C-alpha cells in the first residue's frame, strides 16, 4: 500500500543531505509546523528592505523559506563566505508500506 507523507528536515550546507526529518501524515499538519519553524527563523534573521523591515508572508511558510534563502545567499555573497547556514527542506513523498519480511 502506498501512503503520502510530508517531511521537514534541516540540510547540511555543504552536502544538502537531510538531517533529523520530521514526518507528517497530513499536509496541513506539516505546513503548520513549517510555518512555526519559518517564523522562528524569520525572528532570528529577518530581512530588511528600504522601508525598515520586511514582513513575514502571513500563512505562507514556503514563500518565507524562499525569501530567507535569498536573503542568506545575499549575505553570503556580500561577505564573501559560503553557506554558513543550514537549509530547510519541505517535501512530499509517496512511500510503500508493506508486510514486514522479518515477521515471517
PDB file of N, CA and C in Angstrom:
ATOM      1  N   UNK A   1       0.842  -1.168   0.000  1.00  0.00           N
ATOM      2  CA  UNK A   1       0.000   0.000   0.000  1.00  0.00           C
ATOM      3  C   UNK A   1       0.897   1.244   0.000  1.00  0.00           C
ATOM      4  N   UNK A   2       0.531   2.225  -0.808  1.00  0.00           N
ATOM      5  CA  UNK A   2       1.279   3.480  -0.840  1.00  0.00           C
ATOM      6  C   UNK A   2       0.572   4.520   0.021  1.00  0.00           C
ATOM      7  N   UNK A   3       1.376   5.275   0.739  1.00  0.00           N
ATOM      8  CA  UNK A   3       0.850   6.390   1.525  1.00  0.00           C
ATOM      9  C   UNK A   3       1.680   7.629   1.211  1.00  0.00           C
ATOM     10  N   UNK A   4       1.075   8.768   1.388  1.00  0.00           N
ATOM     11  CA  UNK A   4       1.767  10.035   1.159  1.00  0.00           C
ATOM     12  C   UNK A   4       2.114  10.638   2.520  1.00  0.00           C
ATOM     13  N   UNK A   5       3.364  11.065   2.657  1.00  0.00           N
ATOM     14  CA  UNK A   5       3.817  11.729   3.872  1.00  0.00           C
ATOM     15  C   UNK A   5       4.524  13.021   3.479  1.00  0.00           C
ATOM     16  N   UNK A   6       4.549  13.960   4.409  1.00  0.00           N
ATOM     17  CA  UNK A   6       5.241  15.228   4.212  1.00  0.00           C
ATOM     18  C   UNK A   6       6.375  15.284   5.215  1.00  0.00           C
ATOM     19  N   UNK A   7       7.511  15.801   4.782  1.00  0.00           N
ATOM     20  CA  UNK A   7       8.675  15.859   5.657  1.00  0.00           C
ATOM     21  C   UNK A   7       9.233  17.274   5.722  1.00  0.00           C
ATOM     22  N   UNK A   8       9.789  17.577   6.868  1.00  0.00           N
ATOM     23  CA  UNK A   8      10.550  18.809   7.086  1.00  0.00           C
ATOM     24  C   UNK A   8      11.885  18.354   7.652  1.00  0.00           C
ATOM     25  N   UNK A   9      12.967  18.824   7.054  1.00  0.00           N
ATOM     26  CA  UNK A   9      14.288  18.427   7.527  1.00  0.00           C
ATOM     27  C   UNK A   9      15.248  19.598   7.375  1.00  0.00           C
ATOM     28  N   UNK A  10      16.240  19.633   8.239  1.00  0.00           N
ATOM     29  CA  UNK A  10      17.335  20.565   8.031  1.00  0.00           C
ATOM     30  C   UNK A  10      18.324  19.880   7.098  1.00  0.00           C
ATOM     31  N   UNK A  11      19.122  20.674   6.430  1.00  0.00           N
ATOM     32  CA  UNK A  11      20.108  20.140   5.488  1.00  0.00           C
ATOM     33  C   UNK A  11      21.465  20.741   5.795  1.00  0.00           C
ATOM     34  N   UNK A  12      22.506  19.939   5.663  1.00  0.00           N
ATOM     35  CA  UNK A  12      23.860  20.452   5.807  1.00  0.00           C
ATOM     36  C   UNK A  12      24.178  21.355   4.617  1.00  0.00           C
ATOM     37  N   UNK A  13      24.759  22.530   4.856  1.00  0.00           N
ATOM     38  CA  UNK A  13      25.045  23.442   3.748  1.00  0.00           C
ATOM     39  C   UNK A  13      25.942  22.835   2.675  1.00  0.00           C
ATOM     40  N   UNK A  14      26.965  22.097   3.074  1.00  0.00           N
ATOM     41  CA  UNK A  14      27.926  21.585   2.101  1.00  0.00           C
ATOM     42  C   UNK A  14      27.391  20.385   1.321  1.00  0.00           C
ATOM     43  N   UNK A  15      26.561  19.584   1.954  1.00  0.00           N
ATOM     44  CA  UNK A  15      26.186  18.309   1.364  1.00  0.00           C
ATOM     45  C   UNK A  15      24.747  18.250   0.866  1.00  0.00           C
ATOM     46  N   UNK A  16      23.869  19.068   1.417  1.00  0.00           N
ATOM     47  CA  UNK A  16      22.471  19.025   1.016  1.00  0.00           C
ATOM     48  C   UNK A  16      21.730  17.782   1.478  1.00  0.00           C
ATOM     49  N   UNK A  17      22.322  17.029   2.402  1.00  0.00           N
ATOM     50  CA  UNK A  17      21.669  15.823   2.908  1.00  0.00           C
ATOM     51  C   UNK A  17      20.710  16.206   4.035  1.00  0.00           C
ATOM     52  N   UNK A  18      19.557  15.581   4.036  1.00  0.00           N
ATOM     53  CA  UNK A  18      18.553  15.863   5.062  1.00  0.00           C
ATOM     54  C   UNK A  18      18.979  15.278   6.409  1.00  0.00           C
ATOM     55  N   UNK A  19      18.763  16.054   7.458  1.00  0.00           N
ATOM     56  CA  UNK A  19      19.072  15.629   8.824  1.00  0.00           C
ATOM     57  C   UNK A  19      17.830  15.768   9.685  1.00  0.00           C
ATOM     58  N   UNK A  20      17.676  14.903  10.624  1.00  0.00           N
ATOM     59  CA  UNK A  20      16.601  14.972  11.605  1.00  0.00           C
ATOM     60  C   UNK A  20      15.245  15.291  10.983  1.00  0.00           C
ATOM     61  N   UNK A  21      14.771  14.485  10.048  1.00  0.00           N
ATOM     62  CA  UNK A  21      13.481  14.795   9.429  1.00  0.00           C
ATOM     63  C   UNK A  21      12.316  14.593  10.394  1.00  0.00           C
ATOM     64  N   UNK A  22      11.327  15.430  10.236  1.00  0.00           N
ATOM     65  CA  UNK A  22      10.058  15.253  10.929  1.00  0.00           C
ATOM     66  C   UNK A  22       9.080  14.776   9.861  1.00  0.00           C
ATOM     67  N   UNK A  23       8.276  13.781  10.174  1.00  0.00           N
ATOM     68  CA  UNK A  23       7.362  13.200   9.202  1.00  0.00           C
ATOM     69  C   UNK A  23       5.926  13.448   9.661  1.00  0.00           C
ATOM     70  N   UNK A  24       5.076  13.836   8.690  1.00  0.00           N
ATOM     71  CA  UNK A  24       3.683  14.168   8.983  1.00  0.00           C
ATOM     72  C   UNK A  24       2.762  13.393   8.047  1.00  0.00           C
ATOM     73  N   UNK A  25       1.608  13.007   8.559  1.00  0.00           N
ATOM     74  CA  UNK A  25       0.641  12.256   7.761  1.00  0.00           C
ATOM     75  C   UNK A  25      -0.292  13.166   6.977  1.00  0.00           C
ATOM     76  N   UNK A  26      -0.289  14.464   7.278  1.00  0.00           N
ATOM     77  CA  UNK A  26      -1.146  15.381   6.528  1.00  0.00           C
ATOM     78  C   UNK A  26      -0.363  16.624   6.133  1.00  0.00           C
ATOM     79  N   UNK A  27      -0.742  17.167   4.991  1.00  0.00           N
ATOM     80  CA  UNK A  27      -0.092  18.382   4.519  1.00  0.00           C
ATOM     81  C   UNK A  27      -0.379  19.551   5.459  1.00  0.00           C
ATOM     82  N   UNK A  28      -1.592  19.618   5.981  1.00  0.00           N
ATOM     83  CA  UNK A  28      -1.961  20.708   6.888  1.00  0.00           C
ATOM     84  C   UNK A  28      -1.085  20.713   8.136  1.00  0.00           C
ATOM     85  N   UNK A  29      -0.862  19.549   8.733  1.00  0.00           N
ATOM     86  CA  UNK A  29      -0.015  19.455   9.928  1.00  0.00           C
ATOM     87  C   UNK A  29       1.425  19.837   9.601  1.00  0.00           C
ATOM     88  N   UNK A  30       1.911  19.377   8.452  1.00  0.00           N
ATOM     89  CA  UNK A  30       3.278  19.706   8.046  1.00  0.00           C
ATOM     90  C   UNK A  30       3.429  21.204   7.804  1.00  0.00           C
ATOM     91  N   UNK A  31       2.460  21.816   7.154  1.00  0.00           N
ATOM     92  CA  UNK A  31       2.532  23.263   6.891  1.00  0.00           C
ATOM     93  C   UNK A  31       2.463  24.080   8.179  1.00  0.00           C
ATOM     94  N   UNK A  32       1.650  23.629   9.143  1.00  0.00           N
ATOM     95  CA  UNK A  32       1.609  24.334  10.438  1.00  0.00           C
ATOM     96  C   UNK A  32       2.976  24.320  11.115  1.00  0.00           C
ATOM     97  N   UNK A  33       3.628  23.158  11.111  1.00  0.00           N
ATOM     98  CA  UNK A  33       4.951  23.049  11.737  1.00  0.00           C
ATOM     99  C   UNK A  33       5.985  23.841  10.947  1.00  0.00           C
ATOM    100  N   UNK A  34       5.930  23.773   9.623  1.00  0.00           N
ATOM    101  CA  UNK A  34       6.872  24.516   8.786  1.00  0.00           C
ATOM    102  C   UNK A  34       6.692  26.017   8.994  1.00  0.00           C
ATOM    103  N   UNK A  35       5.452  26.461   9.148  1.00  0.00           N
ATOM    104  CA  UNK A  35       5.166  27.874   9.426  1.00  0.00           C
ATOM    105  C   UNK A  35       5.802  28.291  10.752  1.00  0.00           C
ATOM    106  N   UNK A  36       5.671  27.443  11.761  1.00  0.00           N
ATOM    107  CA  UNK A  36       6.273  27.729  13.076  1.00  0.00           C
ATOM    108  C   UNK A  36       7.797  27.839  12.956  1.00  0.00           C
ATOM    109  N   UNK A  37       8.408  26.906  12.243  1.00  0.00           N
ATOM    110  CA  UNK A  37       9.862  26.909  12.063  1.00  0.00           C
ATOM    111  C   UNK A  37      10.301  28.161  11.312  1.00  0.00           C
ATOM    112  N   UNK A  38       9.601  28.490  10.243  1.00  0.00           N
ATOM    113  CA  UNK A  38       9.976  29.662   9.439  1.00  0.00           C
ATOM    114  C   UNK A  38       9.780  30.959  10.220  1.00  0.00           C
ATOM    115  N   UNK A  39       8.737  31.039  11.048  1.00  0.00           N
ATOM    116  CA  UNK A  39       8.540  32.238  11.879  1.00  0.00           C
ATOM    117  C   UNK A  39       9.694  32.405  12.871  1.00  0.00           C
ATOM    118  N   UNK A  40      10.147  31.295  13.451  1.00  0.00           N
ATOM    119  CA  UNK A  40      11.295  31.350  14.360  1.00  0.00           C
ATOM    120  C   UNK A  40      12.546  31.811  13.616  1.00  0.00           C
ATOM    121  N   UNK A  41      12.765  31.279  12.419  1.00  0.00           N
ATOM    122  CA  UNK A  41      13.904  31.699  11.606  1.00  0.00           C
ATOM    123  C   UNK A  41      13.785  33.183  11.253  1.00  0.00           C
ATOM    124  N   UNK A  42      12.589  33.600  10.889  1.00  0.00           N
ATOM    125  CA  UNK A  42      12.340  34.989  10.491  1.00  0.00           C
ATOM    126  C   UNK A  42      12.698  35.940  11.631  1.00  0.00           C
ATOM    127  N   UNK A  43      12.301  35.567  12.843  1.00  0.00           N
ATOM    128  CA  UNK A  43      12.609  36.402  14.011  1.00  0.00           C
ATOM    129  C   UNK A  43      14.117  36.523  14.226  1.00  0.00           C
ATOM    130  N   UNK A  44      14.845  35.472  13.874  1.00  0.00           N
ATOM    131  CA  UNK A  44      16.287  35.454  14.081  1.00  0.00           C
ATOM    132  C   UNK A  44      17.032  36.279  13.042  1.00  0.00           C
ATOM    133  N   UNK A  45      16.651  36.137  11.768  1.00  0.00           N
ATOM    134  CA  UNK A  45      17.417  36.803  10.710  1.00  0.00           C
ATOM    135  C   UNK A  45      16.513  37.519   9.711  1.00  0.00           C
ATOM    136  N   UNK A  46      15.473  38.168  10.187  1.00  0.00           N
ATOM    137  CA  UNK A  46      14.512  38.823   9.284  1.00  0.00           C
ATOM    138  C   UNK A  46      15.205  39.750   8.300  1.00  0.00           C
ATOM    139  N   UNK A  47      14.895  39.594   7.015  1.00  0.00           N
ATOM    140  CA  UNK A  47      15.455  40.504   6.019  1.00  0.00           C
ATOM    141  C   UNK A  47      14.865  41.893   6.152  1.00  0.00           C
ATOM    142  N   UNK A  48      15.645  42.873   5.797  1.00  0.00           N
ATOM    143  CA  UNK A  48      15.172  44.253   5.855  1.00  0.00           C
ATOM    144  C   UNK A  48      15.097  44.821   4.456  1.00  0.00           C
ATOM    145  N   UNK A  49      14.178  45.735   4.268  1.00  0.00           N
ATOM    146  CA  UNK A  49      14.115  46.453   2.999  1.00  0.00           C
ATOM    147  C   UNK A  49      14.264  47.945   3.271  1.00  0.00           C
ATOM    148  N   UNK A  50      14.110  48.772   2.251  1.00  0.00           N
ATOM    149  CA  UNK A  50      14.343  50.206   2.426  1.00  0.00           C
ATOM    150  C   UNK A  50      13.272  50.881   3.266  1.00  0.00           C
ATOM    151  N   UNK A  51      12.219  50.196   3.636  1.00  0.00           N
ATOM    152  CA  UNK A  51      11.182  50.767   4.496  1.00  0.00           C
ATOM    153  C   UNK A  51      11.369  50.354   5.954  1.00  0.00           C
ATOM    154  N   UNK A  52      12.465  49.719   6.262  1.00  0.00           N
ATOM    155  CA  UNK A  52      12.757  49.390   7.648  1.00  0.00           C
ATOM    156  C   UNK A  52      12.418  47.980   8.069  1.00  0.00           C
ATOM    157  N   UNK A  53      11.938  47.166   7.185  1.00  0.00           N
ATOM    158  CA  UNK A  53      11.657  45.788   7.555  1.00  0.00           C
ATOM    159  C   UNK A  53      10.792  45.092   6.533  1.00  0.00           C
ATOM    160  N   UNK A  54      10.941  43.821   6.450  1.00  0.00           N
ATOM    161  CA  UNK A  54      10.167  43.008   5.521  1.00  0.00           C
ATOM    162  C   UNK A  54       9.248  42.141   6.370  1.00  0.00           C
ATOM    163  N   UNK A  55       7.967  42.151   6.077  1.00  0.00           N
ATOM    164  CA  UNK A  55       7.021  41.380   6.872  1.00  0.00           C
ATOM    165  C   UNK A  55       6.974  39.928   6.442  1.00  0.00           C
ATOM    166  N   UNK A  56       6.758  39.099   7.431  1.00  0.00           N
ATOM    167  CA  UNK A  56       6.596  37.660   7.173  1.00  0.00           C
ATOM    168  C   UNK A  56       5.347  37.469   6.314  1.00  0.00           C
ATOM    169  N   UNK A  57       5.466  36.680   5.236  1.00  0.00           N
ATOM    170  CA  UNK A  57       4.289  36.440   4.397  1.00  0.00           C
ATOM    171  C   UNK A  57       3.266  35.589   5.129  1.00  0.00           C
ATOM    172  N   UNK A  58       2.244  36.208   5.660  1.00  0.00           N
ATOM    173  CA  UNK A  58       1.257  35.565   6.529  1.00  0.00           C
ATOM    174  C   UNK A  58       0.684  34.285   5.918  1.00  0.00           C
ATOM    175  N   UNK A  59       0.820  33.214   6.663  1.00  0.00           N
ATOM    176  CA  UNK A  59       0.252  31.945   6.251  1.00  0.00           C
ATOM    177  C   UNK A  59       0.950  31.289   5.068  1.00  0.00           C
ATOM    178  N   UNK A  60       2.147  31.753   4.735  1.00  0.00           N
ATOM    179  CA  UNK A  60       2.844  31.189   3.579  1.00  0.00           C
ATOM    180  C   UNK A  60       4.295  30.866   3.920  1.00  0.00           C
ATOM    181  N   UNK A  61       4.515  29.755   4.646  1.00  0.00           N
ATOM    182  CA  UNK A  61       5.879  29.417   5.041  1.00  0.00           C
ATOM    183  C   UNK A  61       6.785  29.076   3.862  1.00  0.00           C
ATOM    184  N   UNK A  62       6.223  28.599   2.756  1.00  0.00           N
ATOM    185  CA  UNK A  62       7.047  28.260   1.590  1.00  0.00           C
ATOM    186  C   UNK A  62       7.651  29.538   1.001  1.00  0.00           C
ATOM    187  N   UNK A  63       6.854  30.606   0.904  1.00  0.00           N
ATOM    188  CA  UNK A  63       7.385  31.894   0.429  1.00  0.00           C
ATOM    189  C   UNK A  63       8.391  32.466   1.420  1.00  0.00           C
ATOM    190  N   UNK A  64       8.109  32.343   2.719  1.00  0.00           N
ATOM    191  CA  UNK A  64       9.046  32.818   3.738  1.00  0.00           C
ATOM    192  C   UNK A  64      10.381  32.098   3.599  1.00  0.00           C
ATOM    193  N   UNK A  65      10.326  30.800   3.351  1.00  0.00           N
ATOM    194  CA  UNK A  65      11.538  29.993   3.174  1.00  0.00           C
ATOM    195  C   UNK A  65      12.347  30.516   1.987  1.00  0.00           C
ATOM    196  N   UNK A  66      11.680  30.804   0.882  1.00  0.00           N
ATOM    197  CA  UNK A  66      12.368  31.314  -0.314  1.00  0.00           C
ATOM    198  C   UNK A  66      12.990  32.682  -0.042  1.00  0.00           C
ATOM    199  N   UNK A  67      12.265  33.549   0.644  1.00  0.00           N
ATOM    200  CA  UNK A  67      12.785  34.886   0.973  1.00  0.00           C
ATOM    201  C   UNK A  67      14.011  34.767   1.872  1.00  0.00           C
ATOM    202  N   UNK A  68      13.922  33.920   2.901  1.00  0.00           N
ATOM    203  CA  UNK A  68      15.054  33.737   3.813  1.00  0.00           C
ATOM    204  C   UNK A  68      16.267  33.164   3.098  1.00  0.00           C
ATOM    205  N   UNK A  69      16.055  32.195   2.212  1.00  0.00           N
ATOM    206  CA  UNK A  69      17.179  31.629   1.465  1.00  0.00           C
ATOM    207  C   UNK A  69      17.841  32.679   0.574  1.00  0.00           C
ATOM    208  N   UNK A  70      17.046  33.493  -0.109  1.00  0.00           N
ATOM    209  CA  UNK A  70      17.615  34.561  -0.944  1.00  0.00           C
ATOM    210  C   UNK A  70      18.385  35.564  -0.097  1.00  0.00           C
ATOM    211  N   UNK A  71      17.839  35.892   1.066  1.00  0.00           N
ATOM    212  CA  UNK A  71      18.498  36.828   1.976  1.00  0.00           C
ATOM    213  C   UNK A  71      19.824  36.250   2.468  1.00  0.00           C
ATOM    214  N   UNK A  72      19.828  34.984   2.833  1.00  0.00           N
ATOM    215  CA  UNK A  72      21.061  34.326   3.291  1.00  0.00           C
ATOM    216  C   UNK A  72      22.120  34.329   2.197  1.00  0.00           C
ATOM    217  N   UNK A  73      21.696  33.990   0.980  1.00  0.00           N
ATOM    218  CA  UNK A  73      22.650  33.972  -0.135  1.00  0.00           C
ATOM    219  C   UNK A  73      23.244  35.357  -0.384  1.00  0.00           C
ATOM    220  N   UNK A  74      22.429  36.396  -0.278  1.00  0.00           N
ATOM    221  CA  UNK A  74      22.919  37.769  -0.470  1.00  0.00           C
ATOM    222  C   UNK A  74      23.961  38.116   0.588  1.00  0.00           C
ATOM    223  N   UNK A  75      23.715  37.729   1.829  1.00  0.00           N
ATOM    224  CA  UNK A  75      24.677  37.982   2.903  1.00  0.00           C
ATOM    225  C   UNK A  75      25.965  37.210   2.638  1.00  0.00           C
ATOM    226  N   UNK A  76      25.823  35.954   2.238  1.00  0.00           N
ATOM    227  CA  UNK A  76      26.998  35.128   1.967  1.00  0.00           C
ATOM    228  C   UNK A  76      27.839  35.717   0.836  1.00  0.00           C
ATOM    229  N   UNK A  77      27.185  36.181  -0.224  1.00  0.00           N
ATOM    230  CA  UNK A  77      27.911  36.796  -1.348  1.00  0.00           C
ATOM    231  C   UNK A  77      28.544  38.122  -0.934  1.00  0.00           C
ATOM    232  N   UNK A  78      27.793  38.927  -0.205  1.00  0.00           N
ATOM    233  CA  UNK A  78      28.296  40.228   0.233  1.00  0.00           C
ATOM    234  C   UNK A  78      29.522  40.082   1.123  1.00  0.00           C
ATOM    235  N   UNK A  79      29.472  39.118   2.012  1.00  0.00           N
ATOM    236  CA  UNK A  79      30.551  38.955   2.987  1.00  0.00           C
ATOM    237  C   UNK A  79      31.638  37.992   2.509  1.00  0.00           C
ATOM    238  N   UNK A  80      31.467  37.428   1.315  1.00  0.00           N
ATOM    239  CA  UNK A  80      32.480  36.538   0.758  1.00  0.00           C
ATOM    240  C   UNK A  80      32.620  35.219   1.491  1.00  0.00           C
ATOM    241  N   UNK A  81      31.523  34.721   2.022  1.00  0.00           N
ATOM    242  CA  UNK A  81      31.553  33.438   2.720  1.00  0.00           C
ATOM    243  C   UNK A  81      30.636  32.466   1.989  1.00  0.00           C
ATOM    244  N   UNK A  82      30.811  31.203   2.252  1.00  0.00           N
ATOM    245  CA  UNK A  82      29.961  30.234   1.565  1.00  0.00           C
ATOM    246  C   UNK A  82      29.110  29.467   2.558  1.00  0.00           C
ATOM    247  N   UNK A  83      27.843  29.522   2.337  1.00  0.00           N
ATOM    248  CA  UNK A  83      26.830  28.760   3.058  1.00  0.00           C
ATOM    249  C   UNK A  83      27.143  28.491   4.527  1.00  0.00           C
ATOM    250  N   UNK A  84      26.985  29.532   5.327  1.00  0.00           N
ATOM    251  CA  UNK A  84      27.222  29.356   6.758  1.00  0.00           C
ATOM    252  C   UNK A  84      25.998  28.806   7.470  1.00  0.00           C
ATOM    253  N   UNK A  85      24.840  28.874   6.829  1.00  0.00           N
ATOM    254  CA  UNK A  85      23.615  28.376   7.447  1.00  0.00           C
ATOM    255  C   UNK A  85      23.193  27.077   6.801  1.00  0.00           C
ATOM    256  N   UNK A  86      22.568  26.255   7.585  1.00  0.00           N
ATOM    257  CA  UNK A  86      21.909  25.100   7.009  1.00  0.00           C
ATOM    258  C   UNK A  86      20.631  25.551   6.329  1.00  0.00           C
ATOM    259  N   UNK A  87      20.056  24.697   5.564  1.00  0.00           N
ATOM    260  CA  UNK A  87      18.818  24.999   4.853  1.00  0.00           C
ATOM    261  C   UNK A  87      17.730  24.055   5.351  1.00  0.00           C
ATOM    262  N   UNK A  88      16.501  24.404   5.047  1.00  0.00           N
ATOM    263  CA  UNK A  88      15.384  23.523   5.359  1.00  0.00           C
ATOM    264  C   UNK A  88      14.847  22.925   4.075  1.00  0.00           C
ATOM    265  N   UNK A  89      14.344  21.724   4.174  1.00  0.00           N
ATOM    266  CA  UNK A  89      13.700  21.076   3.041  1.00  0.00           C
ATOM    267  C   UNK A  89      12.292  20.678   3.468  1.00  0.00           C
ATOM    268  N   UNK A  90      11.310  21.106   2.697  1.00  0.00           N
ATOM    269  CA  UNK A  90       9.910  20.741   2.911  1.00  0.00           C
ATOM    270  C   UNK A  90       9.520  19.908   1.700  1.00  0.00           C
ATOM    271  N   UNK A  91       9.075  18.677   1.915  1.00  0.00           N
ATOM    272  CA  UNK A  91       8.889  17.773   0.789  1.00  0.00           C
ATOM    273  C   UNK A  91       7.703  16.850   1.025  1.00  0.00           C
ATOM    274  N   UNK A  92       7.199  16.323  -0.061  1.00  0.00           N
ATOM    275  CA  UNK A  92       6.130  15.330  -0.030  1.00  0.00           C
ATOM    276  C   UNK A  92       6.662  14.057  -0.670  1.00  0.00           C
ATOM    277  N   UNK A  93       6.389  12.921  -0.052  1.00  0.00           N
ATOM    278  CA  UNK A  93       6.881  11.637  -0.554  1.00  0.00           C
ATOM    279  C   UNK A  93       5.745  10.623  -0.573  1.00  0.00           C
ATOM    280  N   UNK A  94       5.727   9.805  -1.591  1.00  0.00           N
ATOM    281  CA  UNK A  94       4.852   8.634  -1.608  1.00  0.00           C
ATOM    282  C   UNK A  94       5.724   7.446  -1.233  1.00  0.00           C
ATOM    283  N   UNK A  95       5.343   6.766  -0.169  1.00  0.00           N
ATOM    284  CA  UNK A  95       6.151   5.636   0.278  1.00  0.00           C
ATOM    285  C   UNK A  95       5.310   4.362   0.276  1.00  0.00           C
ATOM    286  N   UNK A  96       5.981   3.273   0.083  1.00  0.00           N
ATOM    287  CA  UNK A  96       5.338   1.961   0.050  1.00  0.00           C
ATOM    288  C   UNK A  96       5.393   1.366   1.451  1.00  0.00           C
ATOM    289  N   UNK A  97       4.246   0.940   1.941  1.00  0.00           N
ATOM    290  CA  UNK A  97       4.190   0.271   3.233  1.00  0.00           C
ATOM    291  C   UNK A  97       3.694  -1.143   2.971  1.00  0.00           C
ATOM    292  N   UNK A  98       4.488  -2.091   3.410  1.00  0.00           N
ATOM    293  CA  UNK A  98       4.116  -3.483   3.153  1.00  0.00           C
ATOM    294  C   UNK A  98       4.307  -4.327   4.389  1.00  0.00           C
ATOM    295  N   UNK A  99       4.170  -5.593   4.202  1.00  0.00           N
ATOM    296  CA  UNK A  99       4.418  -6.532   5.288  1.00  0.00           C
ATOM    297  C   UNK A  99       5.868  -6.482   5.697  1.00  0.00           C
ATOM    298  N   UNK A 100       6.108  -6.677   6.963  1.00  0.00           N
ATOM    299  CA  UNK A 100       7.468  -6.745   7.478  1.00  0.00           C
ATOM    300  C   UNK A 100       8.018  -8.142   7.160  1.00  0.00           C
ATOM    301  N   UNK A 101       9.020  -8.212   6.259  1.00  0.00           N
ATOM    302  CA  UNK A 101       9.547  -9.533   5.886  1.00  0.00           C
ATOM    303  C   UNK A 101      10.218 -10.267   7.048  1.00  0.00           C
ATOM    304  N   UNK A 102      10.614  -9.546   8.081  1.00  0.00           N
ATOM    305  CA  UNK A 102      11.268 -10.198   9.223  1.00  0.00           C
ATOM    306  C   UNK A 102      10.244 -10.823  10.171  1.00  0.00           C
ATOM    307  N   UNK A 103       8.954 -10.515   9.980  1.00  0.00           N
ATOM    308  CA  UNK A 103       7.920 -11.024  10.877  1.00  0.00           C
ATOM    309  C   UNK A 103       7.467 -12.442  10.510  1.00  0.00           C
ATOM    310  N   UNK A 104       7.992 -12.976   9.438  1.00  0.00           N
ATOM    311  CA  UNK A 104       7.566 -14.326   8.994  1.00  0.00           C
ATOM    312  C   UNK A 104       8.289 -15.425   9.707  1.00  0.00           C
TER     313      UNK A 104
END
